[in-house]
């Protein structure tokens, strides 16, 4: 497997083999508005690297969705409990 570094900007991305990325290239891409993905992706080719990146992104989004759903539920229960406590304390 090869190691790839991914730079992205809006809906555009550049997949570059890790051993070809230099500070100069990285600086040039950042000046053009690209951001570097913080992890190195191991894949067979560039298309596979993008697929793995998308899969990781979807997994992160699903985890955030589950977390925010749980927090919303706990907050809703807390608000209902506080309203009931206020009503019965009067």
PDB file of N, CA and C in Angstrom:
ATOM      1  N   UNK A   1       0.836  -1.186   0.000  1.00  0.00           N
ATOM      2  CA  UNK A   1       0.000   0.000   0.000  1.00  0.00           C
ATOM      3  C   UNK A   1       0.880   1.247   0.000  1.00  0.00           C
ATOM      4  N   UNK A   2       0.389   2.264  -0.652  1.00  0.00           N
ATOM      5  CA  UNK A   2       1.081   3.550  -0.711  1.00  0.00           C
ATOM      6  C   UNK A   2       0.483   4.508   0.307  1.00  0.00           C
ATOM      7  N   UNK A   3       1.243   5.520   0.668  1.00  0.00           N
ATOM      8  CA  UNK A   3       0.757   6.551   1.588  1.00  0.00           C
ATOM      9  C   UNK A   3       0.485   7.817   0.797  1.00  0.00           C
ATOM     10  N   UNK A   4      -0.685   8.410   1.065  1.00  0.00           N
ATOM     11  CA  UNK A   4      -1.101   9.608   0.345  1.00  0.00           C
ATOM     12  C   UNK A   4      -1.437  10.726   1.319  1.00  0.00           C
ATOM     13  N   UNK A   5      -1.168  11.940   0.880  1.00  0.00           N
ATOM     14  CA  UNK A   5      -1.568  13.135   1.620  1.00  0.00           C
ATOM     15  C   UNK A   5      -2.608  13.833   0.756  1.00  0.00           C
ATOM     16  N   UNK A   6      -3.667  14.263   1.405  1.00  0.00           N
ATOM     17  CA  UNK A   6      -4.778  14.867   0.674  1.00  0.00           C
ATOM     18  C   UNK A   6      -4.898  16.339   1.056  1.00  0.00           C
ATOM     19  N   UNK A   7      -4.998  17.178   0.040  1.00  0.00           N
ATOM     20  CA  UNK A   7      -5.264  18.594   0.209  1.00  0.00           C
ATOM     21  C   UNK A   7      -6.652  18.848  -0.366  1.00  0.00           C
ATOM     22  N   UNK A   8      -7.455  19.668   0.315  1.00  0.00           N
ATOM     23  CA  UNK A   8      -8.805  19.911  -0.166  1.00  0.00           C
ATOM     24  C   UNK A   8      -9.154  21.391  -0.082  1.00  0.00           C
ATOM     25  N   UNK A   9     -10.046  21.791  -0.979  1.00  0.00           N
ATOM     26  CA  UNK A   9     -10.554  23.167  -1.026  1.00  0.00           C
ATOM     27  C   UNK A   9     -11.945  23.100  -1.619  1.00  0.00           C
ATOM     28  N   UNK A  10     -12.919  23.539  -0.868  1.00  0.00           N
ATOM     29  CA  UNK A  10     -14.317  23.472  -1.294  1.00  0.00           C
ATOM     30  C   UNK A  10     -14.638  22.056  -1.777  1.00  0.00           C
ATOM     31  N   UNK A  11     -14.943  21.891  -3.048  1.00  0.00           N
ATOM     32  CA  UNK A  11     -15.260  20.558  -3.581  1.00  0.00           C
ATOM     33  C   UNK A  11     -14.112  19.975  -4.392  1.00  0.00           C
ATOM     34  N   UNK A  12     -12.971  20.603  -4.318  1.00  0.00           N
ATOM     35  CA  UNK A  12     -11.799  20.148  -5.068  1.00  0.00           C
ATOM     36  C   UNK A  12     -10.805  19.510  -4.111  1.00  0.00           C
ATOM     37  N   UNK A  13     -10.158  18.466  -4.565  1.00  0.00           N
ATOM     38  CA  UNK A  13      -9.133  17.828  -3.741  1.00  0.00           C
ATOM     39  C   UNK A  13      -7.949  17.412  -4.597  1.00  0.00           C
ATOM     40  N   UNK A  14      -6.798  17.345  -3.953  1.00  0.00           N
ATOM     41  CA  UNK A  14      -5.584  16.882  -4.625  1.00  0.00           C
ATOM     42  C   UNK A  14      -4.990  15.773  -3.772  1.00  0.00           C
ATOM     43  N   UNK A  15      -4.805  14.616  -4.387  1.00  0.00           N
ATOM     44  CA  UNK A  15      -4.221  13.460  -3.710  1.00  0.00           C
ATOM     45  C   UNK A  15      -2.796  13.305  -4.228  1.00  0.00           C
ATOM     46  N   UNK A  16      -1.838  13.358  -3.304  1.00  0.00           N
ATOM     47  CA  UNK A  16      -0.431  13.312  -3.691  1.00  0.00           C
ATOM     48  C   UNK A  16       0.268  12.248  -2.855  1.00  0.00           C
ATOM     49  N   UNK A  17       1.104  11.458  -3.509  1.00  0.00           N
ATOM     50  CA  UNK A  17       1.885  10.446  -2.787  1.00  0.00           C
ATOM     51  C   UNK A  17       2.724  11.152  -1.720  1.00  0.00           C
ATOM     52  N   UNK A  18       2.748  10.593  -0.522  1.00  0.00           N
ATOM     53  CA  UNK A  18       3.399  11.234   0.618  1.00  0.00           C
ATOM     54  C   UNK A  18       4.873  11.508   0.370  1.00  0.00           C
ATOM     55  N   UNK A  19       5.537  10.639  -0.342  1.00  0.00           N
ATOM     56  CA  UNK A  19       6.974  10.844  -0.571  1.00  0.00           C
ATOM     57  C   UNK A  19       7.266  11.939  -1.603  1.00  0.00           C
ATOM     58  N   UNK A  20       6.224  12.428  -2.299  1.00  0.00           N
ATOM     59  CA  UNK A  20       6.402  13.510  -3.267  1.00  0.00           C
ATOM     60  C   UNK A  20       6.082  14.897  -2.688  1.00  0.00           C
ATOM     61  N   UNK A  21       5.497  14.927  -1.502  1.00  0.00           N
ATOM     62  CA  UNK A  21       5.102  16.199  -0.902  1.00  0.00           C
ATOM     63  C   UNK A  21       6.306  16.835  -0.223  1.00  0.00           C
ATOM     64  N   UNK A  22       6.592  18.060  -0.642  1.00  0.00           N
ATOM     65  CA  UNK A  22       7.680  18.829  -0.042  1.00  0.00           C
ATOM     66  C   UNK A  22       7.080  20.038   0.678  1.00  0.00           C
ATOM     67  N   UNK A  23       7.907  20.706   1.464  1.00  0.00           N
ATOM     68  CA  UNK A  23       7.424  21.908   2.153  1.00  0.00           C
ATOM     69  C   UNK A  23       6.997  22.961   1.133  1.00  0.00           C
ATOM     70  N   UNK A  24       7.760  23.068   0.055  1.00  0.00           N
ATOM     71  CA  UNK A  24       7.445  24.053  -0.977  1.00  0.00           C
ATOM     72  C   UNK A  24       6.090  23.751  -1.620  1.00  0.00           C
ATOM     73  N   UNK A  25       5.850  22.509  -1.967  1.00  0.00           N
ATOM     74  CA  UNK A  25       4.573  22.123  -2.571  1.00  0.00           C
ATOM     75  C   UNK A  25       3.429  22.360  -1.589  1.00  0.00           C
ATOM     76  N   UNK A  26       3.638  21.976  -0.343  1.00  0.00           N
ATOM     77  CA  UNK A  26       2.625  22.171   0.683  1.00  0.00           C
ATOM     78  C   UNK A  26       2.303  23.654   0.850  1.00  0.00           C
ATOM     79  N   UNK A  27       3.325  24.486   0.895  1.00  0.00           N
ATOM     80  CA  UNK A  27       3.148  25.934   1.041  1.00  0.00           C
ATOM     81  C   UNK A  27       2.419  26.507  -0.167  1.00  0.00           C
ATOM     82  N   UNK A  28       2.777  26.038  -1.360  1.00  0.00           N
ATOM     83  CA  UNK A  28       2.140  26.514  -2.592  1.00  0.00           C
ATOM     84  C   UNK A  28       0.649  26.181  -2.592  1.00  0.00           C
ATOM     85  N   UNK A  29       0.314  24.958  -2.204  1.00  0.00           N
ATOM     86  CA  UNK A  29      -1.098  24.568  -2.170  1.00  0.00           C
ATOM     87  C   UNK A  29      -1.864  25.354  -1.112  1.00  0.00           C
ATOM     88  N   UNK A  30      -1.245  25.585   0.043  1.00  0.00           N
ATOM     89  CA  UNK A  30      -1.909  26.374   1.082  1.00  0.00           C
ATOM     90  C   UNK A  30      -2.133  27.807   0.624  1.00  0.00           C
ATOM     91  N   UNK A  31      -1.195  28.368  -0.137  1.00  0.00           N
ATOM     92  CA  UNK A  31      -1.374  29.715  -0.682  1.00  0.00           C
ATOM     93  C   UNK A  31      -2.515  29.776  -1.688  1.00  0.00           C
ATOM     94  N   UNK A  32      -2.794  28.661  -2.346  1.00  0.00           N
ATOM     95  CA  UNK A  32      -3.906  28.587  -3.296  1.00  0.00           C
ATOM     96  C   UNK A  32      -5.232  28.303  -2.597  1.00  0.00           C
ATOM     97  N   UNK A  33      -5.213  28.187  -1.269  1.00  0.00           N
ATOM     98  CA  UNK A  33      -6.453  27.993  -0.521  1.00  0.00           C
ATOM     99  C   UNK A  33      -6.741  26.566  -0.110  1.00  0.00           C
ATOM    100  N   UNK A  34      -5.828  25.661  -0.369  1.00  0.00           N
ATOM    101  CA  UNK A  34      -6.032  24.268   0.008  1.00  0.00           C
ATOM    102  C   UNK A  34      -5.659  24.068   1.478  1.00  0.00           C
ATOM    103  N   UNK A  35      -6.329  23.142   2.117  1.00  0.00           N
ATOM    104  CA  UNK A  35      -6.002  22.741   3.483  1.00  0.00           C
ATOM    105  C   UNK A  35      -5.551  21.289   3.444  1.00  0.00           C
ATOM    106  N   UNK A  36      -4.634  20.958   4.321  1.00  0.00           N
ATOM    107  CA  UNK A  36      -4.100  19.595   4.353  1.00  0.00           C
ATOM    108  C   UNK A  36      -4.926  18.754   5.321  1.00  0.00           C
ATOM    109  N   UNK A  37      -5.349  17.585   4.858  1.00  0.00           N
ATOM    110  CA  UNK A  37      -6.028  16.646   5.745  1.00  0.00           C
ATOM    111  C   UNK A  37      -5.004  16.159   6.765  1.00  0.00           C
ATOM    112  N   UNK A  38      -5.354  16.143   8.061  1.00  0.00           N
ATOM    113  CA  UNK A  38      -4.345  15.887   9.093  1.00  0.00           C
ATOM    114  C   UNK A  38      -3.768  14.473   9.141  1.00  0.00           C
ATOM    115  N   UNK A  39      -4.385  13.526   8.510  1.00  0.00           N
ATOM    116  CA  UNK A  39      -3.894  12.149   8.561  1.00  0.00           C
ATOM    117  C   UNK A  39      -3.363  11.703   7.201  1.00  0.00           C
ATOM    118  N   UNK A  40      -2.401  10.809   7.245  1.00  0.00           N
ATOM    119  CA  UNK A  40      -1.902  10.195   6.019  1.00  0.00           C
ATOM    120  C   UNK A  40      -2.767   8.974   5.734  1.00  0.00           C
ATOM    121  N   UNK A  41      -3.231   8.865   4.506  1.00  0.00           N
ATOM    122  CA  UNK A  41      -4.118   7.773   4.108  1.00  0.00           C
ATOM    123  C   UNK A  41      -3.295   6.689   3.403  1.00  0.00           C
ATOM    124  N   UNK A  42      -3.455   5.463   3.850  1.00  0.00           N
ATOM    125  CA  UNK A  42      -2.811   4.332   3.181  1.00  0.00           C
ATOM    126  C   UNK A  42      -3.820   3.695   2.239  1.00  0.00           C
ATOM    127  N   UNK A  43      -3.437   3.619   0.961  1.00  0.00           N
ATOM    128  CA  UNK A  43      -4.350   3.079  -0.047  1.00  0.00           C
ATOM    129  C   UNK A  43      -3.552   2.527  -1.220  1.00  0.00           C
ATOM    130  N   UNK A  44      -4.247   1.789  -2.070  1.00  0.00           N
ATOM    131  CA  UNK A  44      -3.605   1.209  -3.254  1.00  0.00           C
ATOM    132  C   UNK A  44      -3.355   2.244  -4.345  1.00  0.00           C
ATOM    133  N   UNK A  45      -4.306   3.207  -4.485  1.00  0.00           N
ATOM    134  CA  UNK A  45      -4.168   4.246  -5.497  1.00  0.00           C
ATOM    135  C   UNK A  45      -4.914   5.499  -5.037  1.00  0.00           C
ATOM    136  N   UNK A  46      -4.906   6.524  -5.878  1.00  0.00           N
ATOM    137  CA  UNK A  46      -5.508   7.798  -5.506  1.00  0.00           C
ATOM    138  C   UNK A  46      -7.017   7.693  -5.308  1.00  0.00           C
ATOM    139  N   UNK A  47      -7.699   6.965  -6.175  1.00  0.00           N
ATOM    140  CA  UNK A  47      -9.155   6.803  -6.045  1.00  0.00           C
ATOM    141  C   UNK A  47      -9.504   6.087  -4.747  1.00  0.00           C
ATOM    142  N   UNK A  48      -8.721   5.079  -4.412  1.00  0.00           N
ATOM    143  CA  UNK A  48      -8.938   4.334  -3.172  1.00  0.00           C
ATOM    144  C   UNK A  48      -8.706   5.246  -1.956  1.00  0.00           C
ATOM    145  N   UNK A  49      -7.736   6.136  -2.055  1.00  0.00           N
ATOM    146  CA  UNK A  49      -7.458   7.075  -0.968  1.00  0.00           C
ATOM    147  C   UNK A  49      -8.655   8.000  -0.733  1.00  0.00           C
ATOM    148  N   UNK A  50      -9.250   8.495  -1.812  1.00  0.00           N
ATOM    149  CA  UNK A  50     -10.439   9.357  -1.694  1.00  0.00           C
ATOM    150  C   UNK A  50     -11.603   8.582  -1.085  1.00  0.00           C
ATOM    151  N   UNK A  51     -11.792   7.326  -1.509  1.00  0.00           N
ATOM    152  CA  UNK A  51     -12.863   6.498  -0.951  1.00  0.00           C
ATOM    153  C   UNK A  51     -12.667   6.297   0.552  1.00  0.00           C
ATOM    154  N   UNK A  52     -11.428   6.037   0.963  1.00  0.00           N
ATOM    155  CA  UNK A  52     -11.153   5.849   2.392  1.00  0.00           C
ATOM    156  C   UNK A  52     -11.386   7.137   3.166  1.00  0.00           C
ATOM    157  N   UNK A  53     -11.013   8.267   2.589  1.00  0.00           N
ATOM    158  CA  UNK A  53     -11.242   9.553   3.240  1.00  0.00           C
ATOM    159  C   UNK A  53     -12.735   9.807   3.408  1.00  0.00           C
ATOM    160  N   UNK A  54     -13.514   9.541   2.369  1.00  0.00           N
ATOM    161  CA  UNK A  54     -14.966   9.724   2.441  1.00  0.00           C
ATOM    162  C   UNK A  54     -15.575   8.791   3.485  1.00  0.00           C
ATOM    163  N   UNK A  55     -15.093   7.561   3.550  1.00  0.00           N
ATOM    164  CA  UNK A  55     -15.601   6.604   4.535  1.00  0.00           C
ATOM    165  C   UNK A  55     -15.314   7.102   5.950  1.00  0.00           C
ATOM    166  N   UNK A  56     -14.080   7.583   6.178  1.00  0.00           N
ATOM    167  CA  UNK A  56     -13.733   8.117   7.501  1.00  0.00           C
ATOM    168  C   UNK A  56     -14.611   9.315   7.843  1.00  0.00           C
ATOM    169  N   UNK A  57     -14.844  10.191   6.869  1.00  0.00           N
ATOM    170  CA  UNK A  57     -15.690  11.364   7.084  1.00  0.00           C
ATOM    171  C   UNK A  57     -17.105  10.971   7.465  1.00  0.00           C
ATOM    172  N   UNK A  58     -17.647   9.980   6.769  1.00  0.00           N
ATOM    173  CA  UNK A  58     -19.008   9.516   7.087  1.00  0.00           C
ATOM    174  C   UNK A  58     -19.074   8.893   8.472  1.00  0.00           C
ATOM    175  N   UNK A  59     -18.042   8.154   8.862  1.00  0.00           N
ATOM    176  CA  UNK A  59     -18.014   7.564  10.197  1.00  0.00           C
ATOM    177  C   UNK A  59     -17.974   8.649  11.264  1.00  0.00           C
ATOM    178  N   UNK A  60     -17.187   9.697  11.039  1.00  0.00           N
ATOM    179  CA  UNK A  60     -17.122  10.810  11.991  1.00  0.00           C
ATOM    180  C   UNK A  60     -18.467  11.527  12.088  1.00  0.00           C
ATOM    181  N   UNK A  61     -19.112  11.749  10.946  1.00  0.00           N
ATOM    182  CA  UNK A  61     -20.415  12.411  10.956  1.00  0.00           C
ATOM    183  C   UNK A  61     -21.461  11.579  11.683  1.00  0.00           C
ATOM    184  N   UNK A  62     -21.431  10.268  11.476  1.00  0.00           N
ATOM    185  CA  UNK A  62     -22.383   9.401  12.172  1.00  0.00           C
ATOM    186  C   UNK A  62     -22.157   9.433  13.683  1.00  0.00           C
ATOM    187  N   UNK A  63     -20.893   9.431  14.099  1.00  0.00           N
ATOM    188  CA  UNK A  63     -20.581   9.492  15.528  1.00  0.00           C
ATOM    189  C   UNK A  63     -21.056  10.818  16.120  1.00  0.00           C
ATOM    190  N   UNK A  64     -20.830  11.918  15.406  1.00  0.00           N
ATOM    191  CA  UNK A  64     -21.299  13.217  15.885  1.00  0.00           C
ATOM    192  C   UNK A  64     -22.816  13.273  15.952  1.00  0.00           C
ATOM    193  N   UNK A  65     -23.477  12.674  14.977  1.00  0.00           N
ATOM    194  CA  UNK A  65     -24.933  12.641  14.955  1.00  0.00           C
ATOM    195  C   UNK A  65     -25.481  11.883  16.161  1.00  0.00           C
ATOM    196  N   UNK A  66     -24.892  10.739  16.457  1.00  0.00           N
ATOM    197  CA  UNK A  66     -25.328   9.966  17.616  1.00  0.00           C
ATOM    198  C   UNK A  66     -25.090  10.741  18.909  1.00  0.00           C
ATOM    199  N   UNK A  67     -23.931  11.380  19.019  1.00  0.00           N
ATOM    200  CA  UNK A  67     -23.594  12.145  20.222  1.00  0.00           C
ATOM    201  C   UNK A  67     -24.562  13.310  20.413  1.00  0.00           C
ATOM    202  N   UNK A  68     -24.809  14.072  19.339  1.00  0.00           N
ATOM    203  CA  UNK A  68     -25.698  15.225  19.472  1.00  0.00           C
ATOM    204  C   UNK A  68     -27.133  14.779  19.748  1.00  0.00           C
ATOM    205  N   UNK A  69     -27.533  13.641  19.197  1.00  0.00           N
ATOM    206  CA  UNK A  69     -28.872  13.115  19.483  1.00  0.00           C
ATOM    207  C   UNK A  69     -29.008  12.741  20.948  1.00  0.00           C
ATOM    208  N   UNK A  70     -27.979  12.132  21.523  1.00  0.00           N
ATOM    209  CA  UNK A  70     -28.008  11.777  22.937  1.00  0.00           C
ATOM    210  C   UNK A  70     -28.050  13.015  23.815  1.00  0.00           C
ATOM    211  N   UNK A  71     -27.260  14.009  23.498  1.00  0.00           N
ATOM    212  CA  UNK A  71     -27.237  15.250  24.277  1.00  0.00           C
ATOM    213  C   UNK A  71     -28.593  15.935  24.214  1.00  0.00           C
ATOM    214  N   UNK A  72     -29.202  15.977  23.033  1.00  0.00           N
ATOM    215  CA  UNK A  72     -30.529  16.586  22.893  1.00  0.00           C
ATOM    216  C   UNK A  72     -31.539  15.872  23.778  1.00  0.00           C
ATOM    217  N   UNK A  73     -31.511  14.539  23.785  1.00  0.00           N
ATOM    218  CA  UNK A  73     -32.449  13.772  24.603  1.00  0.00           C
ATOM    219  C   UNK A  73     -32.265  14.093  26.085  1.00  0.00           C
ATOM    220  N   UNK A  74     -31.021  14.116  26.552  1.00  0.00           N
ATOM    221  CA  UNK A  74     -30.758  14.407  27.965  1.00  0.00           C
ATOM    222  C   UNK A  74     -31.197  15.823  28.329  1.00  0.00           C
ATOM    223  N   UNK A  75     -30.975  16.774  27.450  1.00  0.00           N
ATOM    224  CA  UNK A  75     -31.392  18.154  27.707  1.00  0.00           C
ATOM    225  C   UNK A  75     -32.916  18.257  27.750  1.00  0.00           C
ATOM    226  N   UNK A  76     -33.597  17.558  26.854  1.00  0.00           N
ATOM    227  CA  UNK A  76     -35.058  17.584  26.842  1.00  0.00           C
ATOM    228  C   UNK A  76     -35.613  17.006  28.137  1.00  0.00           C
ATOM    229  N   UNK A  77     -35.039  15.903  28.604  1.00  0.00           N
ATOM    230  CA  UNK A  77     -35.483  15.304  29.866  1.00  0.00           C
ATOM    231  C   UNK A  77     -35.229  16.260  31.024  1.00  0.00           C
ATOM    232  N   UNK A  78     -34.089  16.918  31.026  1.00  0.00           N
ATOM    233  CA  UNK A  78     -33.754  17.873  32.081  1.00  0.00           C
ATOM    234  C   UNK A  78     -34.729  19.034  32.092  1.00  0.00           C
ATOM    235  N   UNK A  79     -35.064  19.590  30.941  1.00  0.00           N
ATOM    236  CA  UNK A  79     -36.000  20.710  30.863  1.00  0.00           C
ATOM    237  C   UNK A  79     -37.376  20.292  31.359  1.00  0.00           C
ATOM    238  N   UNK A  80     -37.845  19.140  30.939  1.00  0.00           N
ATOM    239  CA  UNK A  80     -39.157  18.652  31.402  1.00  0.00           C
ATOM    240  C   UNK A  80     -39.138  18.459  32.909  1.00  0.00           C
ATOM    241  N   UNK A  81     -38.060  17.898  33.434  1.00  0.00           N
ATOM    242  CA  UNK A  81     -37.947  17.706  34.882  1.00  0.00           C
ATOM    243  C   UNK A  81     -37.940  19.025  35.624  1.00  0.00           C
ATOM    244  N   UNK A  82     -37.249  20.012  35.119  1.00  0.00           N
ATOM    245  CA  UNK A  82     -37.220  21.319  35.772  1.00  0.00           C
ATOM    246  C   UNK A  82     -38.579  22.005  35.716  1.00  0.00           C
ATOM    247  N   UNK A  83     -39.287  21.882  34.600  1.00  0.00           N
ATOM    248  CA  UNK A  83     -40.622  22.466  34.483  1.00  0.00           C
ATOM    249  C   UNK A  83     -41.570  21.794  35.469  1.00  0.00           C
ATOM    250  N   UNK A  84     -41.516  20.482  35.550  1.00  0.00           N
ATOM    251  CA  UNK A  84     -42.388  19.764  36.502  1.00  0.00           C
ATOM    252  C   UNK A  84     -42.039  20.134  37.944  1.00  0.00           C
ATOM    253  N   UNK A  85     -40.774  20.262  38.254  1.00  0.00           N
ATOM    254  CA  UNK A  85     -40.373  20.650  39.604  1.00  0.00           C
ATOM    255  C   UNK A  85     -40.866  22.045  39.931  1.00  0.00           C
ATOM    256  N   UNK A  86     -40.807  22.963  38.967  1.00  0.00           N
ATOM    257  CA  UNK A  86     -41.293  24.325  39.180  1.00  0.00           C
ATOM    258  C   UNK A  86     -42.797  24.331  39.402  1.00  0.00           C
ATOM    259  N   UNK A  87     -43.534  23.542  38.596  1.00  0.00           N
ATOM    260  CA  UNK A  87     -44.999  23.495  38.703  1.00  0.00           C
ATOM    261  C   UNK A  87     -45.411  22.928  40.056  1.00  0.00           C
ATOM    262  N   UNK A  88     -44.782  21.844  40.497  1.00  0.00           N
ATOM    263  CA  UNK A  88     -45.188  21.203  41.745  1.00  0.00           C
ATOM    264  C   UNK A  88     -44.655  21.914  42.992  1.00  0.00           C
ATOM    265  N   UNK A  89     -43.702  22.792  42.852  1.00  0.00           N
ATOM    266  CA  UNK A  89     -43.170  23.514  44.012  1.00  0.00           C
ATOM    267  C   UNK A  89     -44.006  24.749  44.323  1.00  0.00           C
ATOM    268  N   UNK A  90     -44.856  25.146  43.384  1.00  0.00           N
ATOM    269  CA  UNK A  90     -45.675  26.366  43.603  1.00  0.00           C
ATOM    270  C   UNK A  90     -46.877  26.104  44.431  1.00  0.00           C
TER     271      UNK A  90
END
